[in-house]
Amino acid sequence: MTVPATDDKVRRDVTTPLRLSGVVHAEWVKIRSVRSTYALLIAAVVVSVALSGLIAWATMATWEDRAEGFEPVSGSLIGLFFGQIAIMVFSILVISAEYTTGSIRGTLIAVPDRTRLLLAKVIITAALALAAGLVMSFGSFFVGQAVYTTRGVETTIGADGVLVALLRGGLLICMTGVIALGVGFLARQSSAAIGVTFGIYFLPILFSGFLPEWFQKNVIKYMPNTSSAVMLYPDPAVPDVGVTPMSGFLTLSAWALAMLIPAALLFHRRDS
């Protein structure tokens, strides 16, 4: 009996796994179809730019107290640390929402290769977080400089090291998203993952004054928020805190790997 060509084509299509590009596109469609997820990206941008402008205005209003040690680039990017909260939640929901709704089972049926699925989620999360981060970084910078003109202390994007610092701001937000995604894979529950991520980023800073001196000197600087703060300074103005922009980026990369490697191992061993 001869199998019709059309049947043979359907059989090949069913058994052929999706390419990585196809899985990435499917993840993009899922994110775009859920209003709350891309609303978080918009919220991240709006919050970052608005708070950067507000903080810049407050700085100028109390200029006599803030003039010493003022740096106009990092000063205009403080809002990024508020916007990254929305990026954390967005990145966690990329995976935890599927566990909450049970749709992860359908996803794994469509994409049984879990490594490919995890990699696709990392790619789409990193790409969207980077895009949002660059808008946050450049938007905050221009709003901040517009405020700083009232005191004549503004700088320009063409000044030494400024453009690189703004690009690093986008990269900082991108790495925040990847770290949060890794926590989401590990915890699988939104509330638990958000709590752990917030703890990693904010608790060491909030309670640093109560921690031993050796911990403050040797450990705090390797926490994500502390190590990444220097990435927002132009190279000529980087403060001497024992961390450089490059080491800050490498620290964030290490944190991302520390979350993603065990996440990948558990993702393969756990049931959906």
C-alpha atoms as a PDB file:
ATOM      1  CA  MET A   1       0.000   0.000   0.000  1.00  0.00           C
ATOM      2  CA  THR A   2       1.376   3.381  -0.994  1.00  0.00           C
ATOM      3  CA  VAL A   3       1.192   6.196   1.585  1.00  0.00           C
ATOM      4  CA  PRO A   4      -0.003   9.431  -0.019  1.00  0.00           C
ATOM      5  CA  ALA A   5       2.597  12.174  -0.174  1.00  0.00           C
ATOM      6  CA  THR A   6       0.438  14.517   1.869  1.00  0.00           C
ATOM      7  CA  ASP A   7       0.159  11.991   4.711  1.00  0.00           C
ATOM      8  CA  ASP A   8       3.917  11.458   4.640  1.00  0.00           C
ATOM      9  CA  LYS A   9       4.470  15.218   4.912  1.00  0.00           C
ATOM     10  CA  VAL A  10       2.147  15.504   7.912  1.00  0.00           C
ATOM     11  CA  ARG A  11       3.929  12.593   9.604  1.00  0.00           C
ATOM     12  CA  ARG A  12       7.301  14.267   9.137  1.00  0.00           C
ATOM     13  CA  ASP A  13       5.978  17.589  10.461  1.00  0.00           C
ATOM     14  CA  VAL A  14       4.600  15.951  13.600  1.00  0.00           C
ATOM     15  CA  THR A  15       7.776  14.069  14.429  1.00  0.00           C
ATOM     16  CA  THR A  16      10.190  16.892  13.576  1.00  0.00           C
ATOM     17  CA  PRO A  17      10.961  18.971  16.681  1.00  0.00           C
ATOM     18  CA  LEU A  18      10.581  22.719  16.556  1.00  0.00           C
ATOM     19  CA  ARG A  19      13.732  24.666  15.882  1.00  0.00           C
ATOM     20  CA  LEU A  20      14.966  26.995  18.595  1.00  0.00           C
ATOM     21  CA  SER A  21      13.824  29.998  16.530  1.00  0.00           C
ATOM     22  CA  GLY A  22      10.341  28.505  16.351  1.00  0.00           C
ATOM     23  CA  VAL A  23      10.212  27.984  20.126  1.00  0.00           C
ATOM     24  CA  VAL A  24      11.409  31.549  20.705  1.00  0.00           C
ATOM     25  CA  HIS A  25       8.678  32.833  18.396  1.00  0.00           C
ATOM     26  CA  ALA A  26       6.079  30.760  20.236  1.00  0.00           C
ATOM     27  CA  GLU A  27       7.238  32.240  23.544  1.00  0.00           C
ATOM     28  CA  TRP A  28       6.985  35.729  22.072  1.00  0.00           C
ATOM     29  CA  VAL A  29       3.412  35.036  20.948  1.00  0.00           C
ATOM     30  CA  LYS A  30       2.495  33.817  24.445  1.00  0.00           C
ATOM     31  CA  ILE A  31       3.950  36.921  26.098  1.00  0.00           C
ATOM     32  CA  ARG A  32       2.290  39.255  23.592  1.00  0.00           C
ATOM     33  CA  SER A  33      -1.099  37.588  24.073  1.00  0.00           C
ATOM     34  CA  VAL A  34      -1.149  38.143  27.866  1.00  0.00           C
ATOM     35  CA  ARG A  35      -1.815  41.806  28.570  1.00  0.00           C
ATOM     36  CA  SER A  36      -0.407  41.796  32.105  1.00  0.00           C
ATOM     37  CA  THR A  37       3.054  40.661  31.014  1.00  0.00           C
ATOM     38  CA  TYR A  38       3.830  43.395  28.522  1.00  0.00           C
ATOM     39  CA  ALA A  39       2.041  45.868  30.798  1.00  0.00           C
ATOM     40  CA  LEU A  40       4.832  45.161  33.301  1.00  0.00           C
ATOM     41  CA  LEU A  41       7.426  46.134  30.692  1.00  0.00           C
ATOM     42  CA  ILE A  42       5.620  49.396  30.038  1.00  0.00           C
ATOM     43  CA  ALA A  43       5.317  49.990  33.790  1.00  0.00           C
ATOM     44  CA  ALA A  44       9.050  49.405  34.204  1.00  0.00           C
ATOM     45  CA  VAL A  45       9.853  52.080  31.631  1.00  0.00           C
ATOM     46  CA  VAL A  46       7.339  54.603  32.967  1.00  0.00           C
ATOM     47  CA  VAL A  47       8.363  54.122  36.607  1.00  0.00           C
ATOM     48  CA  SER A  48      12.080  54.359  35.821  1.00  0.00           C
ATOM     49  CA  VAL A  49      11.867  57.502  33.728  1.00  0.00           C
ATOM     50  CA  ALA A  50       9.339  59.235  36.005  1.00  0.00           C
ATOM     51  CA  LEU A  51      11.246  58.514  39.203  1.00  0.00           C
ATOM     52  CA  SER A  52      14.556  59.472  37.613  1.00  0.00           C
ATOM     53  CA  GLY A  53      13.057  62.834  36.737  1.00  0.00           C
ATOM     54  CA  LEU A  54      11.562  63.242  40.213  1.00  0.00           C
ATOM     55  CA  ILE A  55      14.830  62.352  41.938  1.00  0.00           C
ATOM     56  CA  ALA A  56      16.719  64.735  39.649  1.00  0.00           C
ATOM     57  CA  TRP A  57      14.272  67.509  40.535  1.00  0.00           C
ATOM     58  CA  ALA A  58      14.657  66.770  44.269  1.00  0.00           C
ATOM     59  CA  THR A  59      18.446  66.873  43.867  1.00  0.00           C
ATOM     60  CA  MET A  60      18.320  70.278  42.228  1.00  0.00           C
ATOM     61  CA  ALA A  61      15.859  71.560  44.852  1.00  0.00           C
ATOM     62  CA  THR A  62      18.355  70.664  47.599  1.00  0.00           C
ATOM     63  CA  TRP A  63      21.452  71.398  45.553  1.00  0.00           C
ATOM     64  CA  GLU A  64      23.460  72.956  48.370  1.00  0.00           C
ATOM     65  CA  ASP A  65      23.340  69.644  50.231  1.00  0.00           C
ATOM     66  CA  ARG A  66      23.980  67.468  47.172  1.00  0.00           C
ATOM     67  CA  ALA A  67      26.598  69.378  45.190  1.00  0.00           C
ATOM     68  CA  GLU A  68      29.602  67.583  46.671  1.00  0.00           C
ATOM     69  CA  GLY A  69      30.286  64.329  44.861  1.00  0.00           C
ATOM     70  CA  PHE A  70      27.471  64.867  42.355  1.00  0.00           C
ATOM     71  CA  GLU A  71      27.760  62.807  39.155  1.00  0.00           C
ATOM     72  CA  PRO A  72      25.145  63.656  36.490  1.00  0.00           C
ATOM     73  CA  VAL A  73      24.992  60.312  34.650  1.00  0.00           C
ATOM     74  CA  SER A  74      24.510  57.880  37.518  1.00  0.00           C
ATOM     75  CA  GLY A  75      22.410  60.523  39.265  1.00  0.00           C
ATOM     76  CA  SER A  76      19.932  60.492  36.388  1.00  0.00           C
ATOM     77  CA  LEU A  77      19.726  56.675  36.283  1.00  0.00           C
ATOM     78  CA  ILE A  78      18.646  56.000  39.875  1.00  0.00           C
ATOM     79  CA  GLY A  79      15.125  55.291  38.641  1.00  0.00           C
ATOM     80  CA  LEU A  80      16.373  52.096  36.994  1.00  0.00           C
ATOM     81  CA  PHE A  81      16.594  50.441  40.403  1.00  0.00           C
ATOM     82  CA  PHE A  82      12.857  51.000  40.854  1.00  0.00           C
ATOM     83  CA  GLY A  83      11.965  49.929  37.334  1.00  0.00           C
ATOM     84  CA  GLN A  84      13.910  46.696  37.745  1.00  0.00           C
ATOM     85  CA  ILE A  85      11.282  45.555  40.270  1.00  0.00           C
ATOM     86  CA  ALA A  86       8.729  45.367  37.446  1.00  0.00           C
ATOM     87  CA  ILE A  87      11.309  43.559  35.282  1.00  0.00           C
ATOM     88  CA  MET A  88      11.816  40.977  38.052  1.00  0.00           C
ATOM     89  CA  VAL A  89       8.078  40.279  38.269  1.00  0.00           C
ATOM     90  CA  PHE A  90       7.749  40.126  34.480  1.00  0.00           C
ATOM     91  CA  SER A  91      10.628  37.664  34.142  1.00  0.00           C
ATOM     92  CA  ILE A  92       9.322  35.413  36.916  1.00  0.00           C
ATOM     93  CA  LEU A  93       5.848  35.330  35.344  1.00  0.00           C
ATOM     94  CA  VAL A  94       7.332  34.130  32.044  1.00  0.00           C
ATOM     95  CA  ILE A  95       7.632  30.674  33.635  1.00  0.00           C
ATOM     96  CA  SER A  96       5.662  30.736  36.912  1.00  0.00           C
ATOM     97  CA  ALA A  97       2.410  31.758  35.191  1.00  0.00           C
ATOM     98  CA  GLU A  98       2.518  28.521  33.200  1.00  0.00           C
ATOM     99  CA  TYR A  99       2.889  26.453  36.361  1.00  0.00           C
ATOM    100  CA  THR A 100       0.080  28.391  38.041  1.00  0.00           C
ATOM    101  CA  THR A 101      -2.373  27.830  35.186  1.00  0.00           C
ATOM    102  CA  GLY A 102      -1.157  24.318  34.347  1.00  0.00           C
ATOM    103  CA  SER A 103      -0.384  25.332  30.765  1.00  0.00           C
ATOM    104  CA  ILE A 104       3.194  24.102  31.240  1.00  0.00           C
ATOM    105  CA  ARG A 105       1.908  20.600  30.438  1.00  0.00           C
ATOM    106  CA  GLY A 106       0.718  21.708  27.020  1.00  0.00           C
ATOM    107  CA  THR A 107       3.968  23.580  26.458  1.00  0.00           C
ATOM    108  CA  LEU A 108       6.014  20.467  27.217  1.00  0.00           C
ATOM    109  CA  ILE A 109       3.865  18.390  24.879  1.00  0.00           C
ATOM    110  CA  ALA A 110       4.499  20.886  22.090  1.00  0.00           C
ATOM    111  CA  VAL A 111       8.189  21.253  23.011  1.00  0.00           C
ATOM    112  CA  PRO A 112       9.366  18.053  24.741  1.00  0.00           C
ATOM    113  CA  ASP A 113      13.007  19.175  24.542  1.00  0.00           C
ATOM    114  CA  ARG A 114      13.239  20.952  27.903  1.00  0.00           C
ATOM    115  CA  THR A 115      16.695  22.376  27.235  1.00  0.00           C
ATOM    116  CA  ARG A 116      15.422  24.047  24.092  1.00  0.00           C
ATOM    117  CA  LEU A 117      12.371  25.378  25.917  1.00  0.00           C
ATOM    118  CA  LEU A 118      14.436  26.806  28.773  1.00  0.00           C
ATOM    119  CA  LEU A 119      16.891  28.387  26.344  1.00  0.00           C
ATOM    120  CA  ALA A 120      14.022  29.938  24.366  1.00  0.00           C
ATOM    121  CA  LYS A 121      12.580  31.476  27.528  1.00  0.00           C
ATOM    122  CA  VAL A 122      16.003  32.838  28.473  1.00  0.00           C
ATOM    123  CA  ILE A 123      16.450  34.369  25.007  1.00  0.00           C
ATOM    124  CA  ILE A 124      13.035  36.046  24.839  1.00  0.00           C
ATOM    125  CA  THR A 125      13.230  37.278  28.452  1.00  0.00           C
ATOM    126  CA  ALA A 126      16.737  38.667  27.975  1.00  0.00           C
ATOM    127  CA  ALA A 127      15.805  40.333  24.677  1.00  0.00           C
ATOM    128  CA  LEU A 128      12.682  42.024  26.055  1.00  0.00           C
ATOM    129  CA  ALA A 129      14.410  43.043  29.293  1.00  0.00           C
ATOM    130  CA  LEU A 130      17.331  44.476  27.306  1.00  0.00           C
ATOM    131  CA  ALA A 131      14.992  46.446  25.035  1.00  0.00           C
ATOM    132  CA  ALA A 132      13.073  47.812  28.026  1.00  0.00           C
ATOM    133  CA  GLY A 133      16.330  48.488  29.864  1.00  0.00           C
ATOM    134  CA  LEU A 134      17.768  50.554  27.031  1.00  0.00           C
ATOM    135  CA  VAL A 135      14.592  52.656  26.826  1.00  0.00           C
ATOM    136  CA  MET A 136      14.699  53.078  30.616  1.00  0.00           C
ATOM    137  CA  SER A 137      18.365  54.031  30.574  1.00  0.00           C
ATOM    138  CA  PHE A 138      18.287  56.540  27.709  1.00  0.00           C
ATOM    139  CA  GLY A 139      14.885  57.936  28.724  1.00  0.00           C
ATOM    140  CA  SER A 140      15.995  58.485  32.320  1.00  0.00           C
ATOM    141  CA  PHE A 141      19.233  60.084  31.167  1.00  0.00           C
ATOM    142  CA  PHE A 142      17.590  62.650  28.901  1.00  0.00           C
ATOM    143  CA  VAL A 143      14.904  63.510  31.462  1.00  0.00           C
ATOM    144  CA  GLY A 144      17.552  63.872  34.172  1.00  0.00           C
ATOM    145  CA  GLN A 145      19.787  66.091  32.064  1.00  0.00           C
ATOM    146  CA  ALA A 146      16.843  68.304  31.176  1.00  0.00           C
ATOM    147  CA  VAL A 147      16.330  68.900  34.906  1.00  0.00           C
ATOM    148  CA  TYR A 148      20.037  69.385  35.587  1.00  0.00           C
ATOM    149  CA  THR A 149      20.200  72.262  33.105  1.00  0.00           C
ATOM    150  CA  THR A 150      18.529  74.432  35.742  1.00  0.00           C
ATOM    151  CA  ARG A 151      21.834  74.371  37.639  1.00  0.00           C
ATOM    152  CA  GLY A 152      24.113  74.071  34.659  1.00  0.00           C
ATOM    153  CA  VAL A 153      25.461  70.696  35.818  1.00  0.00           C
ATOM    154  CA  GLU A 154      24.179  68.588  32.933  1.00  0.00           C
ATOM    155  CA  THR A 155      26.303  66.455  30.627  1.00  0.00           C
ATOM    156  CA  THR A 156      25.836  65.167  27.086  1.00  0.00           C
ATOM    157  CA  ILE A 157      25.643  61.736  25.551  1.00  0.00           C
ATOM    158  CA  GLY A 158      28.851  62.493  23.656  1.00  0.00           C
ATOM    159  CA  ALA A 159      30.888  63.108  26.814  1.00  0.00           C
ATOM    160  CA  ASP A 160      33.597  60.631  27.729  1.00  0.00           C
ATOM    161  CA  GLY A 161      32.116  57.300  28.814  1.00  0.00           C
ATOM    162  CA  VAL A 162      28.469  58.439  28.914  1.00  0.00           C
ATOM    163  CA  LEU A 163      27.156  56.329  26.031  1.00  0.00           C
ATOM    164  CA  VAL A 164      28.856  53.213  27.401  1.00  0.00           C
ATOM    165  CA  ALA A 165      27.319  53.823  30.821  1.00  0.00           C
ATOM    166  CA  LEU A 166      23.842  54.095  29.264  1.00  0.00           C
ATOM    167  CA  LEU A 167      24.345  50.854  27.344  1.00  0.00           C
ATOM    168  CA  ARG A 168      25.468  49.191  30.564  1.00  0.00           C
ATOM    169  CA  GLY A 169      22.244  50.399  32.167  1.00  0.00           C
ATOM    170  CA  GLY A 170      20.284  48.389  29.613  1.00  0.00           C
ATOM    171  CA  LEU A 171      22.549  45.406  30.202  1.00  0.00           C
ATOM    172  CA  LEU A 172      21.992  45.679  33.967  1.00  0.00           C
ATOM    173  CA  ILE A 173      18.219  45.387  33.464  1.00  0.00           C
ATOM    174  CA  CYS A 174      18.726  42.489  31.035  1.00  0.00           C
ATOM    175  CA  MET A 175      20.781  40.516  33.568  1.00  0.00           C
ATOM    176  CA  THR A 176      18.220  41.275  36.276  1.00  0.00           C
ATOM    177  CA  GLY A 177      15.585  39.650  34.084  1.00  0.00           C
ATOM    178  CA  VAL A 178      17.687  36.557  33.474  1.00  0.00           C
ATOM    179  CA  ILE A 179      18.452  36.128  37.186  1.00  0.00           C
ATOM    180  CA  ALA A 180      14.757  36.493  38.075  1.00  0.00           C
ATOM    181  CA  LEU A 181      13.790  33.991  35.374  1.00  0.00           C
ATOM    182  CA  GLY A 182      16.222  31.476  36.861  1.00  0.00           C
ATOM    183  CA  VAL A 183      14.637  31.944  40.285  1.00  0.00           C
ATOM    184  CA  GLY A 184      11.225  31.474  38.667  1.00  0.00           C
ATOM    185  CA  PHE A 185      12.299  28.130  37.217  1.00  0.00           C
ATOM    186  CA  LEU A 186      13.607  27.045  40.619  1.00  0.00           C
ATOM    187  CA  ALA A 187      10.611  28.146  42.689  1.00  0.00           C
ATOM    188  CA  ARG A 188       7.835  27.651  40.083  1.00  0.00           C
ATOM    189  CA  GLN A 189       5.457  29.688  42.252  1.00  0.00           C
ATOM    190  CA  SER A 190       5.203  33.426  41.600  1.00  0.00           C
ATOM    191  CA  SER A 191       5.037  34.570  45.217  1.00  0.00           C
ATOM    192  CA  ALA A 192       7.955  32.399  46.320  1.00  0.00           C
ATOM    193  CA  ALA A 193      10.095  33.424  43.355  1.00  0.00           C
ATOM    194  CA  ILE A 194       9.350  37.127  43.862  1.00  0.00           C
ATOM    195  CA  GLY A 195      10.190  36.839  47.565  1.00  0.00           C
ATOM    196  CA  VAL A 196      13.502  35.104  46.870  1.00  0.00           C
ATOM    197  CA  THR A 197      14.494  37.550  44.137  1.00  0.00           C
ATOM    198  CA  PHE A 198      13.635  40.574  46.254  1.00  0.00           C
ATOM    199  CA  GLY A 199      15.603  39.015  49.105  1.00  0.00           C
ATOM    200  CA  ILE A 200      18.696  38.546  46.950  1.00  0.00           C
ATOM    201  CA  TYR A 201      18.560  42.084  45.619  1.00  0.00           C
ATOM    202  CA  PHE A 202      17.333  44.193  48.522  1.00  0.00           C
ATOM    203  CA  LEU A 203      17.756  42.506  51.907  1.00  0.00           C
ATOM    204  CA  PRO A 204      21.588  42.774  52.009  1.00  0.00           C
ATOM    205  CA  ILE A 205      21.316  46.517  51.353  1.00  0.00           C
ATOM    206  CA  LEU A 206      18.519  47.100  53.866  1.00  0.00           C
ATOM    207  CA  PHE A 207      20.248  45.189  56.655  1.00  0.00           C
ATOM    208  CA  SER A 208      23.893  45.852  55.788  1.00  0.00           C
ATOM    209  CA  GLY A 209      24.263  48.106  58.833  1.00  0.00           C
ATOM    210  CA  PHE A 210      23.380  45.207  61.123  1.00  0.00           C
ATOM    211  CA  LEU A 211      25.776  42.740  59.512  1.00  0.00           C
ATOM    212  CA  PRO A 212      29.379  42.031  60.614  1.00  0.00           C
ATOM    213  CA  GLU A 213      32.019  44.376  59.246  1.00  0.00           C
ATOM    214  CA  TRP A 214      33.824  41.594  57.367  1.00  0.00           C
ATOM    215  CA  PHE A 215      30.537  40.764  55.604  1.00  0.00           C
ATOM    216  CA  GLN A 216      30.040  44.382  54.599  1.00  0.00           C
ATOM    217  CA  LYS A 217      33.560  44.652  53.191  1.00  0.00           C
ATOM    218  CA  ASN A 218      33.894  41.287  51.477  1.00  0.00           C
ATOM    219  CA  VAL A 219      30.412  39.996  50.613  1.00  0.00           C
ATOM    220  CA  ILE A 220      27.998  42.904  50.088  1.00  0.00           C
ATOM    221  CA  LYS A 221      29.927  44.150  47.057  1.00  0.00           C
ATOM    222  CA  TYR A 222      29.212  40.866  45.278  1.00  0.00           C
ATOM    223  CA  MET A 223      25.443  41.060  45.738  1.00  0.00           C
ATOM    224  CA  PRO A 224      23.605  41.903  42.489  1.00  0.00           C
ATOM    225  CA  ASN A 225      22.399  45.427  43.295  1.00  0.00           C
ATOM    226  CA  THR A 226      25.664  46.534  44.892  1.00  0.00           C
ATOM    227  CA  SER A 227      27.960  45.164  42.213  1.00  0.00           C
ATOM    228  CA  SER A 228      25.815  46.501  39.382  1.00  0.00           C
ATOM    229  CA  ALA A 229      25.540  50.075  40.707  1.00  0.00           C
ATOM    230  CA  VAL A 230      28.996  50.987  39.381  1.00  0.00           C
ATOM    231  CA  MET A 231      27.883  49.989  35.872  1.00  0.00           C
ATOM    232  CA  LEU A 232      25.863  53.220  35.720  1.00  0.00           C
ATOM    233  CA  TYR A 233      28.923  55.469  36.075  1.00  0.00           C
ATOM    234  CA  PRO A 234      30.993  56.676  33.101  1.00  0.00           C
ATOM    235  CA  ASP A 235      34.434  55.090  33.279  1.00  0.00           C
ATOM    236  CA  PRO A 236      36.251  58.334  34.286  1.00  0.00           C
ATOM    237  CA  ALA A 237      33.849  58.810  37.230  1.00  0.00           C
ATOM    238  CA  VAL A 238      33.646  55.260  38.625  1.00  0.00           C
ATOM    239  CA  PRO A 239      33.978  55.468  42.436  1.00  0.00           C
ATOM    240  CA  ASP A 240      36.681  53.485  44.210  1.00  0.00           C
ATOM    241  CA  VAL A 241      34.507  50.886  45.959  1.00  0.00           C
ATOM    242  CA  GLY A 242      36.474  47.760  45.085  1.00  0.00           C
ATOM    243  CA  VAL A 243      34.216  46.969  42.121  1.00  0.00           C
ATOM    244  CA  THR A 244      34.633  48.025  38.484  1.00  0.00           C
ATOM    245  CA  PRO A 245      31.915  48.075  35.816  1.00  0.00           C
ATOM    246  CA  MET A 246      33.420  44.952  34.248  1.00  0.00           C
ATOM    247  CA  SER A 247      33.608  43.056  37.529  1.00  0.00           C
ATOM    248  CA  GLY A 248      30.055  44.188  38.238  1.00  0.00           C
ATOM    249  CA  PHE A 249      28.889  42.679  34.961  1.00  0.00           C
ATOM    250  CA  LEU A 250      30.835  39.479  35.634  1.00  0.00           C
ATOM    251  CA  THR A 251      29.230  39.270  39.068  1.00  0.00           C
ATOM    252  CA  LEU A 252      25.760  39.564  37.521  1.00  0.00           C
ATOM    253  CA  SER A 253      26.713  36.890  34.987  1.00  0.00           C
ATOM    254  CA  ALA A 254      27.837  34.595  37.800  1.00  0.00           C
ATOM    255  CA  TRP A 255      24.524  35.141  39.599  1.00  0.00           C
ATOM    256  CA  ALA A 256      22.630  34.350  36.392  1.00  0.00           C
ATOM    257  CA  LEU A 257      24.554  31.095  35.937  1.00  0.00           C
ATOM    258  CA  ALA A 258      24.084  30.250  39.623  1.00  0.00           C
ATOM    259  CA  MET A 259      20.318  30.457  39.071  1.00  0.00           C
ATOM    260  CA  LEU A 260      20.068  28.923  35.592  1.00  0.00           C
ATOM    261  CA  ILE A 261      22.306  25.856  35.992  1.00  0.00           C
ATOM    262  CA  PRO A 262      20.382  24.316  38.930  1.00  0.00           C
ATOM    263  CA  ALA A 263      17.154  25.515  37.289  1.00  0.00           C
ATOM    264  CA  ALA A 264      18.006  23.532  34.152  1.00  0.00           C
ATOM    265  CA  LEU A 265      18.887  20.419  36.163  1.00  0.00           C
ATOM    266  CA  LEU A 266      15.660  20.554  38.177  1.00  0.00           C
ATOM    267  CA  PHE A 267      13.579  21.379  35.104  1.00  0.00           C
ATOM    268  CA  HIS A 268      14.711  18.100  33.542  1.00  0.00           C
ATOM    269  CA  ARG A 269      14.128  16.002  36.665  1.00  0.00           C
ATOM    270  CA  ARG A 270      10.834  17.410  37.879  1.00  0.00           C
ATOM    271  CA  ASP A 271       7.412  16.465  36.591  1.00  0.00           C
ATOM    272  CA  SER A 272       5.404  19.247  35.007  1.00  0.00           C
END
